[in-house]
């Protein structure tokens, strides 16, 4: 995974948070806000085979342990 600064920021916020994080709050912390979709999809794909799912519920994002 080619890890950008924005990916690292998103990953850190999501792992540190005890509850789902508003998409707007995540975007606010990014340098390149227009790349949000690309960055979040990259994280989602990176973790899919590692027992962690990045999910969107409403307008919030969170990591959850995979059922499988």
C-alpha atoms as a PDB file:
ATOM      1  CA  UNK A   1       0.000   0.000   0.000  1.00  0.00           C
ATOM      2  CA  UNK A   2       1.349   3.384  -1.004  1.00  0.00           C
ATOM      3  CA  UNK A   3       0.703   5.301   2.187  1.00  0.00           C
ATOM      4  CA  UNK A   4       0.077   9.013   1.840  1.00  0.00           C
ATOM      5  CA  UNK A   5       0.066  11.441   4.723  1.00  0.00           C
ATOM      6  CA  UNK A   6      -3.715  11.690   4.433  1.00  0.00           C
ATOM      7  CA  UNK A   7      -4.091   7.899   4.652  1.00  0.00           C
ATOM      8  CA  UNK A   8      -2.003   7.885   7.806  1.00  0.00           C
ATOM      9  CA  UNK A   9      -4.125  10.668   9.283  1.00  0.00           C
ATOM     10  CA  UNK A  10      -7.384   8.868   8.503  1.00  0.00           C
ATOM     11  CA  UNK A  11      -6.068   5.557   9.819  1.00  0.00           C
ATOM     12  CA  UNK A  12      -4.840   7.103  13.074  1.00  0.00           C
ATOM     13  CA  UNK A  13      -8.104   8.941  13.728  1.00  0.00           C
ATOM     14  CA  UNK A  14     -10.226   5.871  13.012  1.00  0.00           C
ATOM     15  CA  UNK A  15      -8.128   3.551  15.189  1.00  0.00           C
ATOM     16  CA  UNK A  16      -7.966   6.020  18.062  1.00  0.00           C
ATOM     17  CA  UNK A  17     -11.683   6.728  18.063  1.00  0.00           C
ATOM     18  CA  UNK A  18     -13.958   4.729  20.330  1.00  0.00           C
ATOM     19  CA  UNK A  19     -16.954   5.513  18.158  1.00  0.00           C
ATOM     20  CA  UNK A  20     -17.680   6.106  14.457  1.00  0.00           C
ATOM     21  CA  UNK A  21     -16.272   9.376  13.060  1.00  0.00           C
ATOM     22  CA  UNK A  22     -18.225  11.796  10.890  1.00  0.00           C
ATOM     23  CA  UNK A  23     -16.978  11.870   7.312  1.00  0.00           C
ATOM     24  CA  UNK A  24     -16.798  15.683   7.463  1.00  0.00           C
ATOM     25  CA  UNK A  25     -14.557  15.498  10.560  1.00  0.00           C
ATOM     26  CA  UNK A  26     -12.216  13.123   8.734  1.00  0.00           C
ATOM     27  CA  UNK A  27     -12.092  15.334   5.648  1.00  0.00           C
ATOM     28  CA  UNK A  28     -11.363  18.366   7.816  1.00  0.00           C
ATOM     29  CA  UNK A  29      -8.079  16.814   8.976  1.00  0.00           C
ATOM     30  CA  UNK A  30      -6.871  15.952   5.469  1.00  0.00           C
ATOM     31  CA  UNK A  31      -4.521  18.066   3.369  1.00  0.00           C
ATOM     32  CA  UNK A  32      -6.129  16.961   0.096  1.00  0.00           C
ATOM     33  CA  UNK A  33      -9.830  16.862   0.943  1.00  0.00           C
ATOM     34  CA  UNK A  34     -10.873  16.105  -2.642  1.00  0.00           C
ATOM     35  CA  UNK A  35      -9.029  12.749  -2.403  1.00  0.00           C
ATOM     36  CA  UNK A  36     -11.140  11.500   0.509  1.00  0.00           C
ATOM     37  CA  UNK A  37     -12.907   8.799  -1.517  1.00  0.00           C
ATOM     38  CA  UNK A  38      -9.628   7.458  -2.900  1.00  0.00           C
ATOM     39  CA  UNK A  39      -7.912   7.455   0.502  1.00  0.00           C
ATOM     40  CA  UNK A  40     -10.793   5.794   2.356  1.00  0.00           C
ATOM     41  CA  UNK A  41     -11.103   3.109  -0.361  1.00  0.00           C
ATOM     42  CA  UNK A  42      -7.359   2.443  -0.168  1.00  0.00           C
ATOM     43  CA  UNK A  43      -7.636   1.889   3.595  1.00  0.00           C
ATOM     44  CA  UNK A  44     -10.719  -0.269   3.158  1.00  0.00           C
ATOM     45  CA  UNK A  45      -8.915  -2.515   0.652  1.00  0.00           C
ATOM     46  CA  UNK A  46      -5.740  -2.685   2.749  1.00  0.00           C
ATOM     47  CA  UNK A  47      -7.548  -4.031   5.814  1.00  0.00           C
ATOM     48  CA  UNK A  48     -10.060  -6.347   4.121  1.00  0.00           C
ATOM     49  CA  UNK A  49      -7.758  -9.410   4.393  1.00  0.00           C
ATOM     50  CA  UNK A  50      -6.482  -8.536   7.855  1.00  0.00           C
ATOM     51  CA  UNK A  51      -9.613  -9.263   9.878  1.00  0.00           C
ATOM     52  CA  UNK A  52     -10.676  -5.623  10.065  1.00  0.00           C
ATOM     53  CA  UNK A  53     -13.470  -3.980   8.116  1.00  0.00           C
ATOM     54  CA  UNK A  54     -13.702  -0.269   7.449  1.00  0.00           C
ATOM     55  CA  UNK A  55     -17.408   0.455   7.343  1.00  0.00           C
ATOM     56  CA  UNK A  56     -19.625   3.427   6.722  1.00  0.00           C
ATOM     57  CA  UNK A  57     -22.780   3.775   8.787  1.00  0.00           C
ATOM     58  CA  UNK A  58     -24.842   6.753   7.761  1.00  0.00           C
ATOM     59  CA  UNK A  59     -22.259   9.521   7.382  1.00  0.00           C
ATOM     60  CA  UNK A  60     -19.756   8.017   9.851  1.00  0.00           C
ATOM     61  CA  UNK A  61     -16.764   5.695   9.389  1.00  0.00           C
ATOM     62  CA  UNK A  62     -15.279   3.116  11.760  1.00  0.00           C
ATOM     63  CA  UNK A  63     -13.091   0.035  11.932  1.00  0.00           C
ATOM     64  CA  UNK A  64     -14.810  -3.156  13.061  1.00  0.00           C
ATOM     65  CA  UNK A  65     -13.450  -6.624  13.558  1.00  0.00           C
ATOM     66  CA  UNK A  66     -14.408  -8.983  10.777  1.00  0.00           C
ATOM     67  CA  UNK A  67     -16.837 -11.825  11.426  1.00  0.00           C
ATOM     68  CA  UNK A  68     -14.747 -14.182   9.314  1.00  0.00           C
END
